[in-house]
C-alpha cells in the first residue's frame, strides 16, 4: 500500500471518528440537558480538535492523494465533503480503496 494512501486512510478514520463523536454528543444535547452540562467541555475539545486540527490535516491528505494518483477533482470535492457529513468519510475511504486497489490492499 502506498504511503500516501495510508496517510489518507488514517486521517479519514480519525476525522470521521471525531465527527461521529461530535455528532452523537450534540444529539445528546437535544435529549438530555442535564447530561449536556457534563459533556459540554468534551464537545468543545472534540469540536476544536476536529475543526482546527484534524480537518485541515485531512484536507492536505486529500489533496496529496488526488495529486499523487491524478484523480478527478469531483472525487476531491466528495472527499472534502466527507469531513462535514457524519459517516461519509468511512464510505468515501472504502470507495477510494476499491478504486485505487481493485484486487485488494497489497501486503506491506
PDB file of N, CA and C in Angstrom:
ATOM      1  N   UNK A   1       0.859  -1.176   0.000  1.00  0.00           N
ATOM      2  CA  UNK A   1       0.000   0.000   0.000  1.00  0.00           C
ATOM      3  C   UNK A   1       0.900   1.231   0.000  1.00  0.00           C
ATOM      4  N   UNK A   2       0.544   2.161  -0.813  1.00  0.00           N
ATOM      5  CA  UNK A   2       1.301   3.393  -0.939  1.00  0.00           C
ATOM      6  C   UNK A   2       1.192   4.221   0.342  1.00  0.00           C
ATOM      7  N   UNK A   3       2.272   4.897   0.691  1.00  0.00           N
ATOM      8  CA  UNK A   3       2.291   5.698   1.924  1.00  0.00           C
ATOM      9  C   UNK A   3       1.279   6.839   1.854  1.00  0.00           C
ATOM     10  N   UNK A   4       1.062   7.383   0.680  1.00  0.00           N
ATOM     11  CA  UNK A   4       0.091   8.469   0.527  1.00  0.00           C
ATOM     12  C   UNK A   4      -1.316   7.983   0.863  1.00  0.00           C
ATOM     13  N   UNK A   5      -1.666   6.822   0.346  1.00  0.00           N
ATOM     14  CA  UNK A   5      -2.998   6.278   0.646  1.00  0.00           C
ATOM     15  C   UNK A   5      -3.105   5.891   2.112  1.00  0.00           C
ATOM     16  N   UNK A   6      -2.036   5.382   2.697  1.00  0.00           N
ATOM     17  CA  UNK A   6      -2.053   5.020   4.118  1.00  0.00           C
ATOM     18  C   UNK A   6      -2.293   6.245   4.998  1.00  0.00           C
ATOM     19  N   UNK A   7      -1.636   7.360   4.662  1.00  0.00           N
ATOM     20  CA  UNK A   7      -1.847   8.597   5.431  1.00  0.00           C
ATOM     21  C   UNK A   7      -3.273   9.109   5.258  1.00  0.00           C
ATOM     22  N   UNK A   8      -3.771   9.061   4.010  1.00  0.00           N
ATOM     23  CA  UNK A   8      -5.150   9.481   3.774  1.00  0.00           C
ATOM     24  C   UNK A   8      -6.122   8.600   4.547  1.00  0.00           C
ATOM     25  N   UNK A   9      -5.906   7.308   4.515  1.00  0.00           N
ATOM     26  CA  UNK A   9      -6.806   6.365   5.192  1.00  0.00           C
ATOM     27  C   UNK A   9      -6.811   6.608   6.700  1.00  0.00           C
ATOM     28  N   UNK A  10      -5.645   6.823   7.271  1.00  0.00           N
ATOM     29  CA  UNK A  10      -5.552   7.092   8.709  1.00  0.00           C
ATOM     30  C   UNK A  10      -6.306   8.368   9.071  1.00  0.00           C
ATOM     31  N   UNK A  11      -6.074   9.433   8.311  1.00  0.00           N
ATOM     32  CA  UNK A  11      -6.752  10.692   8.613  1.00  0.00           C
ATOM     33  C   UNK A  11      -8.243  10.602   8.342  1.00  0.00           C
ATOM     34  N   UNK A  12      -8.647   9.786   7.388  1.00  0.00           N
ATOM     35  CA  UNK A  12     -10.071   9.594   7.131  1.00  0.00           C
ATOM     36  C   UNK A  12     -10.753   8.940   8.324  1.00  0.00           C
ATOM     37  N   UNK A  13     -10.119   7.916   8.868  1.00  0.00           N
ATOM     38  CA  UNK A  13     -10.698   7.244  10.039  1.00  0.00           C
ATOM     39  C   UNK A  13     -10.708   8.158  11.261  1.00  0.00           C
ATOM     40  N   UNK A  14      -9.625   8.873  11.488  1.00  0.00           N
ATOM     41  CA  UNK A  14      -9.545   9.749  12.668  1.00  0.00           C
ATOM     42  C   UNK A  14     -10.551  10.895  12.548  1.00  0.00           C
ATOM     43  N   UNK A  15     -10.593  11.544  11.402  1.00  0.00           N
ATOM     44  CA  UNK A  15     -11.519  12.656  11.203  1.00  0.00           C
ATOM     45  C   UNK A  15     -12.967  12.188  11.232  1.00  0.00           C
ATOM     46  N   UNK A  16     -13.244  11.069  10.588  1.00  0.00           N
ATOM     47  CA  UNK A  16     -14.602  10.524  10.599  1.00  0.00           C
ATOM     48  C   UNK A  16     -15.059  10.121  11.986  1.00  0.00           C
ATOM     49  N   UNK A  17     -14.145   9.550  12.766  1.00  0.00           N
ATOM     50  CA  UNK A  17     -14.489   9.144  14.129  1.00  0.00           C
ATOM     51  C   UNK A  17     -14.772  10.350  15.008  1.00  0.00           C
ATOM     52  N   UNK A  18     -13.938  11.373  14.925  1.00  0.00           N
ATOM     53  CA  UNK A  18     -14.195  12.559  15.754  1.00  0.00           C
ATOM     54  C   UNK A  18     -15.489  13.256  15.332  1.00  0.00           C
ATOM     55  N   UNK A  19     -15.785  13.231  14.040  1.00  0.00           N
ATOM     56  CA  UNK A  19     -17.043  13.842  13.586  1.00  0.00           C
ATOM     57  C   UNK A  19     -18.250  13.060  14.100  1.00  0.00           C
ATOM     58  N   UNK A  20     -18.157  11.734  14.094  1.00  0.00           N
ATOM     59  CA  UNK A  20     -19.252  10.924  14.642  1.00  0.00           C
ATOM     60  C   UNK A  20     -19.417  11.149  16.143  1.00  0.00           C
ATOM     61  N   UNK A  21     -18.304  11.235  16.859  1.00  0.00           N
ATOM     62  CA  UNK A  21     -18.371  11.511  18.295  1.00  0.00           C
ATOM     63  C   UNK A  21     -19.020  12.870  18.543  1.00  0.00           C
ATOM     64  N   UNK A  22     -18.624  13.851  17.770  1.00  0.00           N
ATOM     65  CA  UNK A  22     -19.207  15.191  17.903  1.00  0.00           C
ATOM     66  C   UNK A  22     -20.694  15.180  17.587  1.00  0.00           C
ATOM     67  N   UNK A  23     -21.090  14.451  16.557  1.00  0.00           N
ATOM     68  CA  UNK A  23     -22.495  14.365  16.172  1.00  0.00           C
ATOM     69  C   UNK A  23     -23.324  13.694  17.266  1.00  0.00           C
ATOM     70  N   UNK A  24     -22.815  12.609  17.827  1.00  0.00           N
ATOM     71  CA  UNK A  24     -23.560  11.891  18.872  1.00  0.00           C
ATOM     72  C   UNK A  24     -23.685  12.743  20.123  1.00  0.00           C
ATOM     73  N   UNK A  25     -22.614  13.392  20.529  1.00  0.00           N
ATOM     74  CA  UNK A  25     -22.691  14.207  21.741  1.00  0.00           C
ATOM     75  C   UNK A  25     -23.591  15.429  21.532  1.00  0.00           C
ATOM     76  N   UNK A  26     -23.585  15.994  20.349  1.00  0.00           N
ATOM     77  CA  UNK A  26     -24.502  17.104  20.088  1.00  0.00           C
ATOM     78  C   UNK A  26     -25.951  16.627  20.001  1.00  0.00           C
ATOM     79  N   UNK A  27     -26.157  15.401  19.532  1.00  0.00           N
ATOM     80  CA  UNK A  27     -27.515  14.849  19.519  1.00  0.00           C
ATOM     81  C   UNK A  27     -28.008  14.601  20.939  1.00  0.00           C
ATOM     82  N   UNK A  28     -27.092  14.254  21.844  1.00  0.00           N
ATOM     83  CA  UNK A  28     -27.477  14.071  23.247  1.00  0.00           C
ATOM     84  C   UNK A  28     -27.941  15.384  23.867  1.00  0.00           C
ATOM     85  N   UNK A  29     -27.484  16.492  23.324  1.00  0.00           N
ATOM     86  CA  UNK A  29     -27.906  17.800  23.816  1.00  0.00           C
ATOM     87  C   UNK A  29     -29.418  17.964  23.690  1.00  0.00           C
ATOM     88  N   UNK A  30     -29.989  17.461  22.609  1.00  0.00           N
ATOM     89  CA  UNK A  30     -31.430  17.599  22.419  1.00  0.00           C
ATOM     90  C   UNK A  30     -32.214  16.619  23.282  1.00  0.00           C
ATOM     91  N   UNK A  31     -31.572  15.546  23.733  1.00  0.00           N
ATOM     92  CA  UNK A  31     -32.261  14.521  24.513  1.00  0.00           C
ATOM     93  C   UNK A  31     -32.276  14.875  26.003  1.00  0.00           C
ATOM     94  N   UNK A  32     -31.110  15.212  26.538  1.00  0.00           N
ATOM     95  CA  UNK A  32     -30.998  15.404  27.984  1.00  0.00           C
ATOM     96  C   UNK A  32     -30.095  16.590  28.281  1.00  0.00           C
ATOM     97  N   UNK A  33     -30.670  17.674  28.776  1.00  0.00           N
ATOM     98  CA  UNK A  33     -29.871  18.857  29.061  1.00  0.00           C
ATOM     99  C   UNK A  33     -28.970  18.681  30.277  1.00  0.00           C
ATOM    100  N   UNK A  34     -29.365  17.829  31.213  1.00  0.00           N
ATOM    101  CA  UNK A  34     -28.514  17.594  32.377  1.00  0.00           C
ATOM    102  C   UNK A  34     -27.229  16.888  31.953  1.00  0.00           C
ATOM    103  N   UNK A  35     -27.340  15.959  31.032  1.00  0.00           N
ATOM    104  CA  UNK A  35     -26.164  15.273  30.513  1.00  0.00           C
ATOM    105  C   UNK A  35     -25.293  16.236  29.716  1.00  0.00           C
ATOM    106  N   UNK A  36     -25.934  17.166  29.026  1.00  0.00           N
ATOM    107  CA  UNK A  36     -25.192  18.141  28.228  1.00  0.00           C
ATOM    108  C   UNK A  36     -24.272  18.989  29.094  1.00  0.00           C
ATOM    109  N   UNK A  37     -24.684  19.306  30.306  1.00  0.00           N
ATOM    110  CA  UNK A  37     -23.844  20.111  31.190  1.00  0.00           C
ATOM    111  C   UNK A  37     -22.563  19.376  31.548  1.00  0.00           C
ATOM    112  N   UNK A  38     -22.621  18.050  31.586  1.00  0.00           N
ATOM    113  CA  UNK A  38     -21.426  17.261  31.891  1.00  0.00           C
ATOM    114  C   UNK A  38     -20.566  17.021  30.651  1.00  0.00           C
ATOM    115  N   UNK A  39     -21.170  17.042  29.487  1.00  0.00           N
ATOM    116  CA  UNK A  39     -20.445  16.761  28.249  1.00  0.00           C
ATOM    117  C   UNK A  39     -19.983  18.014  27.510  1.00  0.00           C
ATOM    118  N   UNK A  40     -20.330  19.182  27.991  1.00  0.00           N
ATOM    119  CA  UNK A  40     -20.056  20.410  27.264  1.00  0.00           C
ATOM    120  C   UNK A  40     -18.562  20.602  27.008  1.00  0.00           C
ATOM    121  N   UNK A  41     -17.739  20.371  27.999  1.00  0.00           N
ATOM    122  CA  UNK A  41     -16.295  20.544  27.830  1.00  0.00           C
ATOM    123  C   UNK A  41     -15.742  19.540  26.820  1.00  0.00           C
ATOM    124  N   UNK A  42     -16.293  18.331  26.819  1.00  0.00           N
ATOM    125  CA  UNK A  42     -15.851  17.293  25.891  1.00  0.00           C
ATOM    126  C   UNK A  42     -16.203  17.687  24.451  1.00  0.00           C
ATOM    127  N   UNK A  43     -17.393  18.231  24.253  1.00  0.00           N
ATOM    128  CA  UNK A  43     -17.823  18.657  22.916  1.00  0.00           C
ATOM    129  C   UNK A  43     -16.952  19.802  22.421  1.00  0.00           C
ATOM    130  N   UNK A  44     -16.596  20.711  23.295  1.00  0.00           N
ATOM    131  CA  UNK A  44     -15.730  21.810  22.887  1.00  0.00           C
ATOM    132  C   UNK A  44     -14.357  21.305  22.462  1.00  0.00           C
ATOM    133  N   UNK A  45     -13.793  20.380  23.223  1.00  0.00           N
ATOM    134  CA  UNK A  45     -12.468  19.848  22.886  1.00  0.00           C
ATOM    135  C   UNK A  45     -12.510  19.068  21.575  1.00  0.00           C
ATOM    136  N   UNK A  46     -13.498  18.203  21.429  1.00  0.00           N
ATOM    137  CA  UNK A  46     -13.605  17.405  20.200  1.00  0.00           C
ATOM    138  C   UNK A  46     -13.922  18.310  19.009  1.00  0.00           C
ATOM    139  N   UNK A  47     -14.774  19.303  19.198  1.00  0.00           N
ATOM    140  CA  UNK A  47     -15.120  20.212  18.110  1.00  0.00           C
ATOM    141  C   UNK A  47     -13.926  21.019  17.629  1.00  0.00           C
ATOM    142  N   UNK A  48     -13.165  21.556  18.555  1.00  0.00           N
ATOM    143  CA  UNK A  48     -11.972  22.314  18.176  1.00  0.00           C
ATOM    144  C   UNK A  48     -10.923  21.385  17.575  1.00  0.00           C
ATOM    145  N   UNK A  49     -10.776  20.212  18.161  1.00  0.00           N
ATOM    146  CA  UNK A  49      -9.816  19.249  17.625  1.00  0.00           C
ATOM    147  C   UNK A  49     -10.153  18.840  16.207  1.00  0.00           C
ATOM    148  N   UNK A  50     -11.441  18.624  15.944  1.00  0.00           N
ATOM    149  CA  UNK A  50     -11.861  18.231  14.598  1.00  0.00           C
ATOM    150  C   UNK A  50     -11.729  19.386  13.613  1.00  0.00           C
ATOM    151  N   UNK A  51     -12.241  20.545  13.992  1.00  0.00           N
ATOM    152  CA  UNK A  51     -12.316  21.655  13.051  1.00  0.00           C
ATOM    153  C   UNK A  51     -11.015  22.390  12.818  1.00  0.00           C
ATOM    154  N   UNK A  52     -10.189  22.504  13.844  1.00  0.00           N
ATOM    155  CA  UNK A  52      -8.985  23.318  13.729  1.00  0.00           C
ATOM    156  C   UNK A  52      -7.745  22.475  13.445  1.00  0.00           C
ATOM    157  N   UNK A  53      -7.711  21.261  13.967  1.00  0.00           N
ATOM    158  CA  UNK A  53      -6.504  20.445  13.832  1.00  0.00           C
ATOM    159  C   UNK A  53      -6.679  19.336  12.800  1.00  0.00           C
ATOM    160  N   UNK A  54      -7.670  18.476  13.004  1.00  0.00           N
ATOM    161  CA  UNK A  54      -7.776  17.259  12.203  1.00  0.00           C
ATOM    162  C   UNK A  54      -8.284  17.497  10.783  1.00  0.00           C
ATOM    163  N   UNK A  55      -9.305  18.320  10.622  1.00  0.00           N
ATOM    164  CA  UNK A  55      -9.854  18.528   9.279  1.00  0.00           C
ATOM    165  C   UNK A  55      -8.859  19.186   8.323  1.00  0.00           C
ATOM    166  N   UNK A  56      -8.089  20.193   8.745  1.00  0.00           N
ATOM    167  CA  UNK A  56      -7.077  20.724   7.816  1.00  0.00           C
ATOM    168  C   UNK A  56      -6.021  19.690   7.426  1.00  0.00           C
ATOM    169  N   UNK A  57      -5.630  18.832   8.360  1.00  0.00           N
ATOM    170  CA  UNK A  57      -4.677  17.765   8.015  1.00  0.00           C
ATOM    171  C   UNK A  57      -5.326  16.788   7.046  1.00  0.00           C
ATOM    172  N   UNK A  58      -6.606  16.475   7.274  1.00  0.00           N
ATOM    173  CA  UNK A  58      -7.344  15.597   6.371  1.00  0.00           C
ATOM    174  C   UNK A  58      -7.433  16.213   4.979  1.00  0.00           C
ATOM    175  N   UNK A  59      -7.653  17.520   4.899  1.00  0.00           N
ATOM    176  CA  UNK A  59      -7.711  18.194   3.609  1.00  0.00           C
ATOM    177  C   UNK A  59      -6.384  18.078   2.863  1.00  0.00           C
ATOM    178  N   UNK A  60      -5.291  18.246   3.577  1.00  0.00           N
ATOM    179  CA  UNK A  60      -3.968  18.125   2.960  1.00  0.00           C
ATOM    180  C   UNK A  60      -3.755  16.705   2.436  1.00  0.00           C
ATOM    181  N   UNK A  61      -4.174  15.710   3.214  1.00  0.00           N
ATOM    182  CA  UNK A  61      -4.032  14.322   2.774  1.00  0.00           C
ATOM    183  C   UNK A  61      -4.906  14.046   1.543  1.00  0.00           C
ATOM    184  N   UNK A  62      -6.082  14.661   1.476  1.00  0.00           N
ATOM    185  CA  UNK A  62      -6.949  14.501   0.301  1.00  0.00           C
ATOM    186  C   UNK A  62      -6.302  15.116  -0.935  1.00  0.00           C
ATOM    187  N   UNK A  63      -5.789  16.334  -0.811  1.00  0.00           N
ATOM    188  CA  UNK A  63      -5.108  16.976  -1.930  1.00  0.00           C
ATOM    189  C   UNK A  63      -3.903  16.154  -2.371  1.00  0.00           C
ATOM    190  N   UNK A  64      -3.154  15.648  -1.408  1.00  0.00           N
ATOM    191  CA  UNK A  64      -1.980  14.842  -1.712  1.00  0.00           C
ATOM    192  C   UNK A  64      -2.366  13.580  -2.475  1.00  0.00           C
ATOM    193  N   UNK A  65      -3.437  12.923  -2.060  1.00  0.00           N
ATOM    194  CA  UNK A  65      -3.892  11.703  -2.720  1.00  0.00           C
ATOM    195  C   UNK A  65      -4.366  11.989  -4.146  1.00  0.00           C
ATOM    196  N   UNK A  66      -5.107  13.067  -4.313  1.00  0.00           N
ATOM    197  CA  UNK A  66      -5.613  13.424  -5.641  1.00  0.00           C
ATOM    198  C   UNK A  66      -4.457  13.758  -6.586  1.00  0.00           C
ATOM    199  N   UNK A  67      -3.475  14.464  -6.103  1.00  0.00           N
ATOM    200  CA  UNK A  67      -2.336  14.819  -6.950  1.00  0.00           C
ATOM    201  C   UNK A  67      -1.468  13.599  -7.263  1.00  0.00           C
ATOM    202  N   UNK A  68      -1.256  12.757  -6.281  1.00  0.00           N
ATOM    203  CA  UNK A  68      -0.390  11.582  -6.481  1.00  0.00           C
ATOM    204  C   UNK A  68      -1.002  10.595  -7.474  1.00  0.00           C
ATOM    205  N   UNK A  69      -2.287  10.299  -7.338  1.00  0.00           N
ATOM    206  CA  UNK A  69      -2.939   9.315  -8.198  1.00  0.00           C
ATOM    207  C   UNK A  69      -3.657   9.949  -9.389  1.00  0.00           C
ATOM    208  N   UNK A  70      -3.541  11.275  -9.546  1.00  0.00           N
ATOM    209  CA  UNK A  70      -4.165  12.011 -10.651  1.00  0.00           C
ATOM    210  C   UNK A  70      -5.659  11.690 -10.774  1.00  0.00           C
ATOM    211  N   UNK A  71      -6.346  11.910  -9.682  1.00  0.00           N
ATOM    212  CA  UNK A  71      -7.776  11.620  -9.620  1.00  0.00           C
ATOM    213  C   UNK A  71      -8.587  12.824 -10.073  1.00  0.00           C
ATOM    214  N   UNK A  72      -9.859  12.592 -10.291  1.00  0.00           N
ATOM    215  CA  UNK A  72     -10.801  13.614 -10.710  1.00  0.00           C
ATOM    216  C   UNK A  72     -11.041  14.588  -9.555  1.00  0.00           C
ATOM    217  N   UNK A  73     -11.225  15.852  -9.889  1.00  0.00           N
ATOM    218  CA  UNK A  73     -11.473  16.847  -8.853  1.00  0.00           C
ATOM    219  C   UNK A  73     -12.861  16.714  -8.233  1.00  0.00           C
ATOM    220  N   UNK A  74     -13.757  16.046  -8.912  1.00  0.00           N
ATOM    221  CA  UNK A  74     -15.065  15.756  -8.324  1.00  0.00           C
ATOM    222  C   UNK A  74     -14.914  14.798  -7.142  1.00  0.00           C
ATOM    223  N   UNK A  75     -13.977  13.858  -7.252  1.00  0.00           N
ATOM    224  CA  UNK A  75     -13.669  12.980  -6.120  1.00  0.00           C
ATOM    225  C   UNK A  75     -13.099  13.784  -4.955  1.00  0.00           C
ATOM    226  N   UNK A  76     -12.286  14.759  -5.277  1.00  0.00           N
ATOM    227  CA  UNK A  76     -11.731  15.624  -4.232  1.00  0.00           C
ATOM    228  C   UNK A  76     -12.847  16.357  -3.501  1.00  0.00           C
ATOM    229  N   UNK A  77     -13.822  16.851  -4.240  1.00  0.00           N
ATOM    230  CA  UNK A  77     -14.949  17.542  -3.606  1.00  0.00           C
ATOM    231  C   UNK A  77     -15.709  16.591  -2.686  1.00  0.00           C
ATOM    232  N   UNK A  78     -15.920  15.350  -3.109  1.00  0.00           N
ATOM    233  CA  UNK A  78     -16.581  14.365  -2.258  1.00  0.00           C
ATOM    234  C   UNK A  78     -15.764  14.041  -1.031  1.00  0.00           C
ATOM    235  N   UNK A  79     -14.452  13.947  -1.201  1.00  0.00           N
ATOM    236  CA  UNK A  79     -13.579  13.662  -0.068  1.00  0.00           C
ATOM    237  C   UNK A  79     -13.604  14.808   0.946  1.00  0.00           C
ATOM    238  N   UNK A  80     -13.594  16.033   0.452  1.00  0.00           N
ATOM    239  CA  UNK A  80     -13.623  17.178   1.360  1.00  0.00           C
ATOM    240  C   UNK A  80     -14.984  17.311   2.042  1.00  0.00           C
ATOM    241  N   UNK A  81     -16.039  16.966   1.348  1.00  0.00           N
ATOM    242  CA  UNK A  81     -17.379  16.986   1.946  1.00  0.00           C
ATOM    243  C   UNK A  81     -17.501  15.946   3.055  1.00  0.00           C
ATOM    244  N   UNK A  82     -16.730  14.879   2.940  1.00  0.00           N
ATOM    245  CA  UNK A  82     -16.787  13.808   3.939  1.00  0.00           C
ATOM    246  C   UNK A  82     -16.343  14.281   5.324  1.00  0.00           C
ATOM    247  N   UNK A  83     -15.639  15.377   5.402  1.00  0.00           N
ATOM    248  CA  UNK A  83     -15.245  15.919   6.694  1.00  0.00           C
ATOM    249  C   UNK A  83     -16.353  16.678   7.391  1.00  0.00           C
ATOM    250  N   UNK A  84     -17.481  16.882   6.703  1.00  0.00           N
ATOM    251  CA  UNK A  84     -18.606  17.612   7.264  1.00  0.00           C
ATOM    252  C   UNK A  84     -19.831  16.742   7.535  1.00  0.00           C
ATOM    253  N   UNK A  85     -19.961  15.639   6.810  1.00  0.00           N
ATOM    254  CA  UNK A  85     -21.137  14.777   6.931  1.00  0.00           C
ATOM    255  C   UNK A  85     -20.759  13.543   7.746  1.00  0.00           C
ATOM    256  N   UNK A  86     -21.394  13.331   8.896  1.00  0.00           N
ATOM    257  CA  UNK A  86     -21.035  12.190   9.743  1.00  0.00           C
ATOM    258  C   UNK A  86     -21.224  10.851   9.026  1.00  0.00           C
ATOM    259  N   UNK A  87     -20.189  10.039   9.057  1.00  0.00           N
ATOM    260  CA  UNK A  87     -20.232   8.713   8.471  1.00  0.00           C
ATOM    261  C   UNK A  87     -19.781   8.651   7.025  1.00  0.00           C
ATOM    262  N   UNK A  88     -19.776   9.771   6.332  1.00  0.00           N
ATOM    263  CA  UNK A  88     -19.424   9.778   4.917  1.00  0.00           C
ATOM    264  C   UNK A  88     -17.936   9.511   4.693  1.00  0.00           C
ATOM    265  N   UNK A  89     -17.087   9.867   5.641  1.00  0.00           N
ATOM    266  CA  UNK A  89     -15.647   9.654   5.482  1.00  0.00           C
ATOM    267  C   UNK A  89     -15.320   8.171   5.352  1.00  0.00           C
ATOM    268  N   UNK A  90     -16.040   7.326   6.075  1.00  0.00           N
ATOM    269  CA  UNK A  90     -15.784   5.890   6.011  1.00  0.00           C
ATOM    270  C   UNK A  90     -16.199   5.328   4.651  1.00  0.00           C
ATOM    271  N   UNK A  91     -17.318   5.796   4.129  1.00  0.00           N
ATOM    272  CA  UNK A  91     -17.793   5.329   2.823  1.00  0.00           C
ATOM    273  C   UNK A  91     -16.863   5.798   1.702  1.00  0.00           C
ATOM    274  N   UNK A  92     -16.449   7.059   1.743  1.00  0.00           N
ATOM    275  CA  UNK A  92     -15.561   7.595   0.709  1.00  0.00           C
ATOM    276  C   UNK A  92     -14.217   6.869   0.753  1.00  0.00           C
ATOM    277  N   UNK A  93     -13.721   6.591   1.946  1.00  0.00           N
ATOM    278  CA  UNK A  93     -12.456   5.858   2.056  1.00  0.00           C
ATOM    279  C   UNK A  93     -12.597   4.472   1.449  1.00  0.00           C
ATOM    280  N   UNK A  94     -13.723   3.815   1.689  1.00  0.00           N
ATOM    281  CA  UNK A  94     -13.981   2.497   1.133  1.00  0.00           C
ATOM    282  C   UNK A  94     -14.018   2.556  -0.395  1.00  0.00           C
ATOM    283  N   UNK A  95     -14.710   3.551  -0.945  1.00  0.00           N
ATOM    284  CA  UNK A  95     -14.793   3.690  -2.397  1.00  0.00           C
ATOM    285  C   UNK A  95     -13.422   4.016  -3.013  1.00  0.00           C
ATOM    286  N   UNK A  96     -12.625   4.831  -2.323  1.00  0.00           N
ATOM    287  CA  UNK A  96     -11.287   5.152  -2.818  1.00  0.00           C
ATOM    288  C   UNK A  96     -10.398   3.916  -2.785  1.00  0.00           C
ATOM    289  N   UNK A  97     -10.541   3.104  -1.753  1.00  0.00           N
ATOM    290  CA  UNK A  97      -9.762   1.864  -1.666  1.00  0.00           C
ATOM    291  C   UNK A  97     -10.123   0.938  -2.820  1.00  0.00           C
ATOM    292  N   UNK A  98     -11.412   0.823  -3.139  1.00  0.00           N
ATOM    293  CA  UNK A  98     -11.825  -0.014  -4.260  1.00  0.00           C
ATOM    294  C   UNK A  98     -11.345   0.545  -5.595  1.00  0.00           C
ATOM    295  N   UNK A  99     -11.325   1.864  -5.709  1.00  0.00           N
ATOM    296  CA  UNK A  99     -10.899   2.496  -6.959  1.00  0.00           C
ATOM    297  C   UNK A  99      -9.385   2.356  -7.169  1.00  0.00           C
ATOM    298  N   UNK A 100      -8.619   2.563  -6.112  1.00  0.00           N
ATOM    299  CA  UNK A 100      -7.167   2.554  -6.254  1.00  0.00           C
ATOM    300  C   UNK A 100      -6.562   1.159  -6.184  1.00  0.00           C
ATOM    301  N   UNK A 101      -7.191   0.275  -5.419  1.00  0.00           N
ATOM    302  CA  UNK A 101      -6.690  -1.089  -5.241  1.00  0.00           C
ATOM    303  C   UNK A 101      -7.819  -2.082  -5.490  1.00  0.00           C
ATOM    304  N   UNK A 102      -8.197  -2.314  -6.751  1.00  0.00           N
ATOM    305  CA  UNK A 102      -9.344  -3.192  -7.030  1.00  0.00           C
ATOM    306  C   UNK A 102      -9.116  -4.650  -6.650  1.00  0.00           C
ATOM    307  N   UNK A 103      -7.868  -5.118  -6.633  1.00  0.00           N
ATOM    308  CA  UNK A 103      -7.589  -6.504  -6.251  1.00  0.00           C
ATOM    309  C   UNK A 103      -7.420  -6.668  -4.748  1.00  0.00           C
ATOM    310  N   UNK A 104      -7.565  -5.619  -4.008  1.00  0.00           N
ATOM    311  CA  UNK A 104      -7.367  -5.645  -2.555  1.00  0.00           C
ATOM    312  C   UNK A 104      -6.084  -4.929  -2.181  1.00  0.00           C
ATOM    313  N   UNK A 105      -5.978  -4.612  -0.917  1.00  0.00           N
ATOM    314  CA  UNK A 105      -4.785  -3.910  -0.452  1.00  0.00           C
ATOM    315  C   UNK A 105      -3.572  -4.827  -0.491  1.00  0.00           C
ATOM    316  N   UNK A 106      -2.449  -4.335  -1.011  1.00  0.00           N
ATOM    317  CA  UNK A 106      -1.251  -5.170  -1.034  1.00  0.00           C
ATOM    318  C   UNK A 106      -0.677  -5.359   0.362  1.00  0.00           C
ATOM    319  N   UNK A 107       0.033  -6.446   0.558  1.00  0.00           N
ATOM    320  CA  UNK A 107       0.682  -6.688   1.847  1.00  0.00           C
ATOM    321  C   UNK A 107       1.842  -5.704   2.001  1.00  0.00           C
ATOM    322  N   UNK A 108       2.180  -5.439   3.216  1.00  0.00           N
ATOM    323  CA  UNK A 108       3.282  -4.486   3.470  1.00  0.00           C
ATOM    324  C   UNK A 108       4.549  -5.053   2.995  1.00  0.00           C
TER     325      UNK A 108
END
